[in-house]
PDB file of all heavy atoms in Angstrom:
ATOM      1  N   TYR A   1       0.817  -1.217   0.003  1.00  0.00           N
ATOM      2  CA  TYR A   1       0.000   0.002  -0.009  1.00  0.00           C
ATOM      3  C   TYR A   1       0.860   1.250   0.008  1.00  0.00           C
ATOM      4  O   TYR A   1       0.450   2.325  -0.472  1.00  0.00           O
ATOM      5  CB  TYR A   1      -0.954   0.008   1.196  1.00  0.00           C
ATOM      6  CG  TYR A   1      -1.924  -1.167   1.138  1.00  0.00           C
ATOM      7  CD1 TYR A   1      -1.838  -2.247   2.006  1.00  0.00           C
ATOM      8  CD2 TYR A   1      -2.899  -1.211   0.144  1.00  0.00           C
ATOM      9  CE1 TYR A   1      -2.692  -3.301   1.930  1.00  0.00           C
ATOM     10  CE2 TYR A   1      -3.784  -2.286   0.073  1.00  0.00           C
ATOM     11  CZ  TYR A   1      -3.671  -3.327   0.978  1.00  0.00           C
ATOM     12  OH  TYR A   1      -4.522  -4.395   0.864  1.00  0.00           O
ATOM     13  N   ALA A   2       2.081   1.159   0.515  1.00  0.00           N
ATOM     14  CA  ALA A   2       3.021   2.298   0.436  1.00  0.00           C
ATOM     15  C   ALA A   2       3.432   2.486  -1.052  1.00  0.00           C
ATOM     16  O   ALA A   2       3.574   3.638  -1.521  1.00  0.00           O
ATOM     17  CB  ALA A   2       4.254   2.039   1.299  1.00  0.00           C
ATOM     18  N   TYR A   3       3.620   1.364  -1.759  1.00  0.00           N
ATOM     19  CA  TYR A   3       3.968   1.445  -3.179  1.00  0.00           C
ATOM     20  C   TYR A   3       2.773   1.983  -3.973  1.00  0.00           C
ATOM     21  O   TYR A   3       2.929   2.841  -4.847  1.00  0.00           O
ATOM     22  CB  TYR A   3       4.394   0.099  -3.700  1.00  0.00           C
ATOM     23  CG  TYR A   3       4.751   0.128  -5.176  1.00  0.00           C
ATOM     24  CD1 TYR A   3       5.954   0.675  -5.573  1.00  0.00           C
ATOM     25  CD2 TYR A   3       3.865  -0.358  -6.125  1.00  0.00           C
ATOM     26  CE1 TYR A   3       6.294   0.744  -6.920  1.00  0.00           C
ATOM     27  CE2 TYR A   3       4.180  -0.305  -7.475  1.00  0.00           C
ATOM     28  CZ  TYR A   3       5.389   0.263  -7.864  1.00  0.00           C
ATOM     29  OH  TYR A   3       5.705   0.310  -9.205  1.00  0.00           O
ATOM     30  N   PHE A   4       1.594   1.473  -3.696  1.00  0.00           N
ATOM     31  CA  PHE A   4       0.393   1.964  -4.412  1.00  0.00           C
ATOM     32  C   PHE A   4       0.242   3.452  -4.179  1.00  0.00           C
ATOM     33  O   PHE A   4      -0.080   4.212  -5.137  1.00  0.00           O
ATOM     34  CB  PHE A   4      -0.858   1.235  -3.904  1.00  0.00           C
ATOM     35  CG  PHE A   4      -0.882  -0.236  -4.220  1.00  0.00           C
ATOM     36  CD1 PHE A   4      -1.864  -1.049  -3.673  1.00  0.00           C
ATOM     37  CD2 PHE A   4       0.017  -0.831  -5.064  1.00  0.00           C
ATOM     38  CE1 PHE A   4      -1.921  -2.392  -3.940  1.00  0.00           C
ATOM     39  CE2 PHE A   4       0.000  -2.193  -5.345  1.00  0.00           C
ATOM     40  CZ  PHE A   4      -1.014  -2.972  -4.789  1.00  0.00           C
ATOM     41  N   ALA A   5       0.455   3.879  -2.944  1.00  0.00           N
ATOM     42  CA  ALA A   5       0.282   5.300  -2.594  1.00  0.00           C
ATOM     43  C   ALA A   5       1.265   6.185  -3.350  1.00  0.00           C
ATOM     44  O   ALA A   5       0.986   7.383  -3.641  1.00  0.00           O
ATOM     45  CB  ALA A   5       0.428   5.557  -1.120  1.00  0.00           C
ATOM     46  N   TYR A   6       2.402   5.641  -3.723  1.00  0.00           N
ATOM     47  CA  TYR A   6       3.426   6.377  -4.463  1.00  0.00           C
ATOM     48  C   TYR A   6       3.195   6.292  -5.955  1.00  0.00           C
ATOM     49  O   TYR A   6       3.235   7.301  -6.702  1.00  0.00           O
ATOM     50  CB  TYR A   6       4.813   5.838  -4.107  1.00  0.00           C
ATOM     51  CG  TYR A   6       5.913   6.470  -4.897  1.00  0.00           C
ATOM     52  CD1 TYR A   6       6.453   7.694  -4.503  1.00  0.00           C
ATOM     53  CD2 TYR A   6       6.451   5.835  -6.018  1.00  0.00           C
ATOM     54  CE1 TYR A   6       7.489   8.285  -5.215  1.00  0.00           C
ATOM     55  CE2 TYR A   6       7.487   6.400  -6.740  1.00  0.00           C
ATOM     56  CZ  TYR A   6       8.012   7.658  -6.329  1.00  0.00           C
ATOM     57  OH  TYR A   6       9.024   8.225  -7.042  1.00  0.00           O
ATOM     58  N   ALA A   7       2.925   5.097  -6.457  1.00  0.00           N
ATOM     59  CA  ALA A   7       2.883   4.883  -7.894  1.00  0.00           C
ATOM     60  C   ALA A   7       1.644   5.454  -8.548  1.00  0.00           C
ATOM     61  O   ALA A   7       1.712   6.046  -9.662  1.00  0.00           O
ATOM     62  CB  ALA A   7       2.956   3.362  -8.172  1.00  0.00           C
ATOM     63  N   ILE A   8       0.476   5.330  -7.900  1.00  0.00           N
ATOM     64  CA  ILE A   8      -0.753   5.790  -8.528  1.00  0.00           C
ATOM     65  C   ILE A   8      -0.741   7.308  -8.761  1.00  0.00           C
ATOM     66  O   ILE A   8      -1.006   7.777  -9.881  1.00  0.00           O
ATOM     67  CB  ILE A   8      -1.962   5.364  -7.652  1.00  0.00           C
ATOM     68  CG1 ILE A   8      -2.132   3.847  -7.747  1.00  0.00           C
ATOM     69  CG2 ILE A   8      -3.242   6.065  -8.133  1.00  0.00           C
ATOM     70  CD1 ILE A   8      -3.178   3.295  -6.784  1.00  0.00           C
ATOM     71  N   PRO A   9      -0.452   8.153  -7.740  1.00  0.00           N
ATOM     72  CA  PRO A   9      -0.432   9.598  -8.002  1.00  0.00           C
ATOM     73  C   PRO A   9       0.735  10.004  -8.912  1.00  0.00           C
ATOM     74  O   PRO A   9       0.717  11.094  -9.532  1.00  0.00           O
ATOM     75  CB  PRO A   9      -0.274  10.238  -6.623  1.00  0.00           C
ATOM     76  CG  PRO A   9       0.289   9.163  -5.759  1.00  0.00           C
ATOM     77  CD  PRO A   9      -0.237   7.889  -6.321  1.00  0.00           C
ATOM     78  N   ALA A  10       1.771   9.197  -9.028  1.00  0.00           N
ATOM     79  CA  ALA A  10       2.878   9.520  -9.923  1.00  0.00           C
ATOM     80  C   ALA A  10       2.520   9.303 -11.398  1.00  0.00           C
ATOM     81  O   ALA A  10       2.989  10.040 -12.270  1.00  0.00           O
ATOM     82  CB  ALA A  10       4.106   8.691  -9.537  1.00  0.00           C
ATOM     83  N   ILE A  11       1.705   8.284 -11.704  1.00  0.00           N
ATOM     84  CA  ILE A  11       1.392   7.920 -13.080  1.00  0.00           C
ATOM     85  C   ILE A  11       0.089   8.479 -13.582  1.00  0.00           C
ATOM     86  O   ILE A  11      -0.047   8.914 -14.747  1.00  0.00           O
ATOM     87  CB  ILE A  11       1.381   6.391 -13.214  1.00  0.00           C
ATOM     88  CG1 ILE A  11       2.782   5.808 -12.981  1.00  0.00           C
ATOM     89  CG2 ILE A  11       0.829   5.942 -14.577  1.00  0.00           C
ATOM     90  CD1 ILE A  11       3.815   6.203 -14.031  1.00  0.00           C
ATOM     91  N   LEU A  12      -0.953   8.565 -12.721  1.00  0.00           N
ATOM     92  CA  LEU A  12      -2.274   8.954 -13.165  1.00  0.00           C
ATOM     93  C   LEU A  12      -2.359  10.332 -13.838  1.00  0.00           C
ATOM     94  O   LEU A  12      -3.056  10.492 -14.874  1.00  0.00           O
ATOM     95  CB  LEU A  12      -3.252   8.873 -11.996  1.00  0.00           C
ATOM     96  CG  LEU A  12      -3.812   7.491 -11.691  1.00  0.00           C
ATOM     97  CD1 LEU A  12      -4.862   7.552 -10.570  1.00  0.00           C
ATOM     98  CD2 LEU A  12      -4.463   6.868 -12.945  1.00  0.00           C
ATOM     99  N   PRO A  13      -1.709  11.364 -13.300  1.00  0.00           N
ATOM    100  CA  PRO A  13      -1.840  12.685 -13.962  1.00  0.00           C
ATOM    101  C   PRO A  13      -1.348  12.643 -15.405  1.00  0.00           C
ATOM    102  O   PRO A  13      -2.022  13.189 -16.316  1.00  0.00           O
ATOM    103  CB  PRO A  13      -0.956  13.614 -13.117  1.00  0.00           C
ATOM    104  CG  PRO A  13      -0.990  12.980 -11.770  1.00  0.00           C
ATOM    105  CD  PRO A  13      -0.982  11.482 -12.043  1.00  0.00           C
ATOM    106  N   LEU A  14      -0.200  11.974 -15.645  1.00  0.00           N
ATOM    107  CA  LEU A  14       0.303  11.898 -17.000  1.00  0.00           C
ATOM    108  C   LEU A  14      -0.641  11.054 -17.845  1.00  0.00           C
ATOM    109  O   LEU A  14      -0.976  11.446 -18.996  1.00  0.00           O
ATOM    110  CB  LEU A  14       1.710  11.260 -16.971  1.00  0.00           C
ATOM    111  CG  LEU A  14       2.303  10.936 -18.387  1.00  0.00           C
ATOM    112  CD1 LEU A  14       2.519  12.247 -19.162  1.00  0.00           C
ATOM    113  CD2 LEU A  14       3.593  10.191 -18.230  1.00  0.00           C
ATOM    114  N   ALA A  15      -1.084   9.906 -17.350  1.00  0.00           N
ATOM    115  CA  ALA A  15      -1.960   9.038 -18.137  1.00  0.00           C
ATOM    116  C   ALA A  15      -3.311   9.748 -18.395  1.00  0.00           C
ATOM    117  O   ALA A  15      -3.852   9.675 -19.552  1.00  0.00           O
ATOM    118  CB  ALA A  15      -2.189   7.734 -17.390  1.00  0.00           C
ATOM    119  N   GLY A  16      -3.817  10.423 -17.433  1.00  0.00           N
ATOM    120  CA  GLY A  16      -5.062  11.162 -17.604  1.00  0.00           C
ATOM    121  C   GLY A  16      -4.980  12.285 -18.630  1.00  0.00           C
ATOM    122  O   GLY A  16      -5.864  12.490 -19.478  1.00  0.00           O
ATOM    123  N   ARG A  17      -3.857  12.978 -18.611  1.00  0.00           N
ATOM    124  CA  ARG A  17      -3.678  14.103 -19.591  1.00  0.00           C
ATOM    125  C   ARG A  17      -3.524  13.522 -20.990  1.00  0.00           C
ATOM    126  O   ARG A  17      -4.057  14.134 -21.965  1.00  0.00           O
ATOM    127  CB  ARG A  17      -2.422  14.875 -19.167  1.00  0.00           C
ATOM    128  CG  ARG A  17      -2.265  16.169 -19.983  1.00  0.00           C
ATOM    129  CD  ARG A  17      -1.142  16.994 -19.458  1.00  0.00           C
ATOM    130  NE  ARG A  17      -0.952  18.197 -20.264  1.00  0.00           N
ATOM    131  CZ  ARG A  17       0.043  19.054 -20.106  1.00  0.00           C
ATOM    132  NH1 ARG A  17       0.981  18.809 -19.171  1.00  0.00           N
ATOM    133  NH2 ARG A  17       0.141  20.117 -20.875  1.00  0.00           N
ATOM    134  N   CYS A  18      -2.799  12.411 -21.139  1.00  0.00           N
ATOM    135  CA  CYS A  18      -2.650  11.822 -22.463  1.00  0.00           C
ATOM    136  C   CYS A  18      -3.977  11.291 -22.973  1.00  0.00           C
ATOM    137  O   CYS A  18      -4.291  11.411 -24.166  1.00  0.00           O
ATOM    138  CB  CYS A  18      -1.643  10.696 -22.395  1.00  0.00           C
ATOM    139  SG  CYS A  18       0.067  11.246 -22.188  1.00  0.00           S
ATOM    140  N   LEU A  19      -4.776  10.667 -22.107  1.00  0.00           N
ATOM    141  CA  LEU A  19      -6.052  10.119 -22.508  1.00  0.00           C
ATOM    142  C   LEU A  19      -7.052  11.238 -22.838  1.00  0.00           C
ATOM    143  O   LEU A  19      -7.917  11.093 -23.725  1.00  0.00           O
ATOM    144  CB  LEU A  19      -6.623   9.219 -21.427  1.00  0.00           C
ATOM    145  CG  LEU A  19      -5.872   7.891 -21.165  1.00  0.00           C
ATOM    146  CD1 LEU A  19      -6.426   7.186 -19.941  1.00  0.00           C
ATOM    147  CD2 LEU A  19      -6.011   6.980 -22.424  1.00  0.00           C
ATOM    148  N   ALA A  20      -6.901  12.363 -22.172  1.00  0.00           N
ATOM    149  CA  ALA A  20      -7.811  13.490 -22.407  1.00  0.00           C
ATOM    150  C   ALA A  20      -7.584  14.183 -23.732  1.00  0.00           C
ATOM    151  O   ALA A  20      -8.458  14.820 -24.305  1.00  0.00           O
ATOM    152  CB  ALA A  20      -7.696  14.488 -21.260  1.00  0.00           C
ATOM    153  N   SER A  21      -6.349  14.074 -24.236  1.00  0.00           N
ATOM    154  CA  SER A  21      -6.053  14.652 -25.543  1.00  0.00           C
ATOM    155  C   SER A  21      -6.719  13.801 -26.659  1.00  0.00           C
ATOM    156  O   SER A  21      -6.967  12.634 -26.443  1.00  0.00           O
ATOM    157  CB  SER A  21      -4.554  14.704 -25.776  1.00  0.00           C
ATOM    158  OG  SER A  21      -4.041  13.404 -25.965  1.00  0.00           O
ATOM    159  N   GLN A  22      -6.914  14.331 -27.736  1.00  0.00           N
ATOM    160  CA  GLN A  22      -7.572  13.595 -28.838  1.00  0.00           C
ATOM    161  C   GLN A  22      -6.578  12.965 -29.781  1.00  0.00           C
ATOM    162  O   GLN A  22      -6.938  12.366 -30.781  1.00  0.00           O
ATOM    163  CB  GLN A  22      -8.457  14.577 -29.621  1.00  0.00           C
ATOM    164  CG  GLN A  22      -9.568  15.194 -28.775  1.00  0.00           C
ATOM    165  CD  GLN A  22     -10.484  14.176 -28.140  1.00  0.00           C
ATOM    166  OE1 GLN A  22     -10.898  13.219 -28.809  1.00  0.00           O
ATOM    167  NE2 GLN A  22     -10.785  14.322 -26.871  1.00  0.00           N
ATOM    168  N   ASP A  23      -5.270  13.044 -29.391  1.00  0.00           N
ATOM    169  CA  ASP A  23      -4.212  12.509 -30.211  1.00  0.00           C
ATOM    170  C   ASP A  23      -4.101  10.990 -30.021  1.00  0.00           C
ATOM    171  O   ASP A  23      -4.114  10.475 -28.888  1.00  0.00           O
ATOM    172  CB  ASP A  23      -2.891  13.191 -29.872  1.00  0.00           C
ATOM    173  CG  ASP A  23      -1.789  12.786 -30.816  1.00  0.00           C
ATOM    174  OD1 ASP A  23      -1.678  13.368 -31.918  1.00  0.00           O
ATOM    175  OD2 ASP A  23      -1.035  11.835 -30.458  1.00  0.00           O
ATOM    176  N   GLU A  24      -4.011  10.290 -31.133  1.00  0.00           N
ATOM    177  CA  GLU A  24      -3.990   8.836 -31.078  1.00  0.00           C
ATOM    178  C   GLU A  24      -2.739   8.302 -30.359  1.00  0.00           C
ATOM    179  O   GLU A  24      -2.819   7.362 -29.535  1.00  0.00           O
ATOM    180  CB  GLU A  24      -4.071   8.274 -32.510  1.00  0.00           C
ATOM    181  CG  GLU A  24      -4.117   6.735 -32.549  1.00  0.00           C
ATOM    182  CD  GLU A  24      -4.248   6.219 -33.986  1.00  0.00           C
ATOM    183  OE1 GLU A  24      -4.533   7.041 -34.920  1.00  0.00           O
ATOM    184  OE2 GLU A  24      -4.026   5.014 -34.181  1.00  0.00           O
ATOM    185  N   ILE A  25      -1.584   8.904 -30.669  1.00  0.00           N
ATOM    186  CA  ILE A  25      -0.319   8.462 -30.014  1.00  0.00           C
ATOM    187  C   ILE A  25      -0.351   8.735 -28.527  1.00  0.00           C
ATOM    188  O   ILE A  25       0.041   7.848 -27.717  1.00  0.00           O
ATOM    189  CB  ILE A  25       0.864   9.169 -30.675  1.00  0.00           C
ATOM    190  CG1 ILE A  25       0.996   8.724 -32.174  1.00  0.00           C
ATOM    191  CG2 ILE A  25       2.149   8.869 -29.958  1.00  0.00           C
ATOM    192  CD1 ILE A  25       2.093   9.433 -32.942  1.00  0.00           C
ATOM    193  N   LEU A  26      -0.831   9.906 -28.172  1.00  0.00           N
ATOM    194  CA  LEU A  26      -0.885  10.243 -26.751  1.00  0.00           C
ATOM    195  C   LEU A  26      -1.867   9.331 -25.986  1.00  0.00           C
ATOM    196  O   LEU A  26      -1.624   8.939 -24.854  1.00  0.00           O
ATOM    197  CB  LEU A  26      -1.289  11.713 -26.565  1.00  0.00           C
ATOM    198  CG  LEU A  26      -0.247  12.746 -26.966  1.00  0.00           C
ATOM    199  CD1 LEU A  26      -0.764  14.156 -26.819  1.00  0.00           C
ATOM    200  CD2 LEU A  26       1.055  12.603 -26.136  1.00  0.00           C
ATOM    201  N   THR A  27      -2.960   9.002 -26.664  1.00  0.00           N
ATOM    202  CA  THR A  27      -3.901   8.077 -26.050  1.00  0.00           C
ATOM    203  C   THR A  27      -3.246   6.702 -25.820  1.00  0.00           C
ATOM    204  O   THR A  27      -3.425   6.087 -24.764  1.00  0.00           O
ATOM    205  CB  THR A  27      -5.158   7.888 -26.937  1.00  0.00           C
ATOM    206  OG1 THR A  27      -5.767   9.176 -27.148  1.00  0.00           O
ATOM    207  CG2 THR A  27      -6.127   6.920 -26.315  1.00  0.00           C
ATOM    208  N   MET A  28      -2.507   6.257 -26.797  1.00  0.00           N
ATOM    209  CA  MET A  28      -1.781   4.980 -26.638  1.00  0.00           C
ATOM    210  C   MET A  28      -0.771   5.054 -25.473  1.00  0.00           C
ATOM    211  O   MET A  28      -0.662   4.126 -24.691  1.00  0.00           O
ATOM    212  CB  MET A  28      -1.034   4.620 -27.949  1.00  0.00           C
ATOM    213  CG  MET A  28      -0.357   3.256 -27.919  1.00  0.00           C
ATOM    214  SD  MET A  28       0.435   2.902 -29.486  1.00  0.00           S
ATOM    215  CE  MET A  28      -0.940   2.984 -30.630  1.00  0.00           C
ATOM    216  N   VAL A  29      -0.084   6.201 -25.357  1.00  0.00           N
ATOM    217  CA  VAL A  29       0.869   6.409 -24.249  1.00  0.00           C
ATOM    218  C   VAL A  29       0.137   6.360 -22.907  1.00  0.00           C
ATOM    219  O   VAL A  29       0.589   5.753 -21.940  1.00  0.00           O
ATOM    220  CB  VAL A  29       1.630   7.740 -24.409  1.00  0.00           C
ATOM    221  CG1 VAL A  29       2.425   8.064 -23.137  1.00  0.00           C
ATOM    222  CG2 VAL A  29       2.558   7.679 -25.623  1.00  0.00           C
ATOM    223  N   GLY A  30      -1.073   6.988 -22.864  1.00  0.00           N
ATOM    224  CA  GLY A  30      -1.860   6.977 -21.644  1.00  0.00           C
ATOM    225  C   GLY A  30      -2.282   5.592 -21.239  1.00  0.00           C
ATOM    226  O   GLY A  30      -2.194   5.168 -20.095  1.00  0.00           O
ATOM    227  N   VAL A  31      -2.747   4.809 -22.269  1.00  0.00           N
ATOM    228  CA  VAL A  31      -3.163   3.444 -22.004  1.00  0.00           C
ATOM    229  C   VAL A  31      -2.006   2.597 -21.509  1.00  0.00           C
ATOM    230  O   VAL A  31      -2.091   1.838 -20.550  1.00  0.00           O
ATOM    231  CB  VAL A  31      -3.812   2.827 -23.229  1.00  0.00           C
ATOM    232  CG1 VAL A  31      -4.079   1.326 -23.044  1.00  0.00           C
ATOM    233  CG2 VAL A  31      -5.109   3.550 -23.578  1.00  0.00           C
ATOM    234  N   LEU A  32      -0.867   2.716 -22.213  1.00  0.00           N
ATOM    235  CA  LEU A  32       0.298   1.967 -21.838  1.00  0.00           C
ATOM    236  C   LEU A  32       0.799   2.339 -20.451  1.00  0.00           C
ATOM    237  O   LEU A  32       1.295   1.497 -19.702  1.00  0.00           O
ATOM    238  CB  LEU A  32       1.438   2.174 -22.862  1.00  0.00           C
ATOM    239  CG  LEU A  32       1.195   1.520 -24.221  1.00  0.00           C
ATOM    240  CD1 LEU A  32       2.300   1.891 -25.220  1.00  0.00           C
ATOM    241  CD2 LEU A  32       1.089   0.022 -24.129  1.00  0.00           C
TER     242      LEU A  32
END
């Protein structure tokens, strides 16, 4: 849970921003 608490807030903002863009490559980066 210490790792989850660190990893989730570290990755989600980037993944969310990529997914929110309409760019296909960025969406793929967000999913990956």
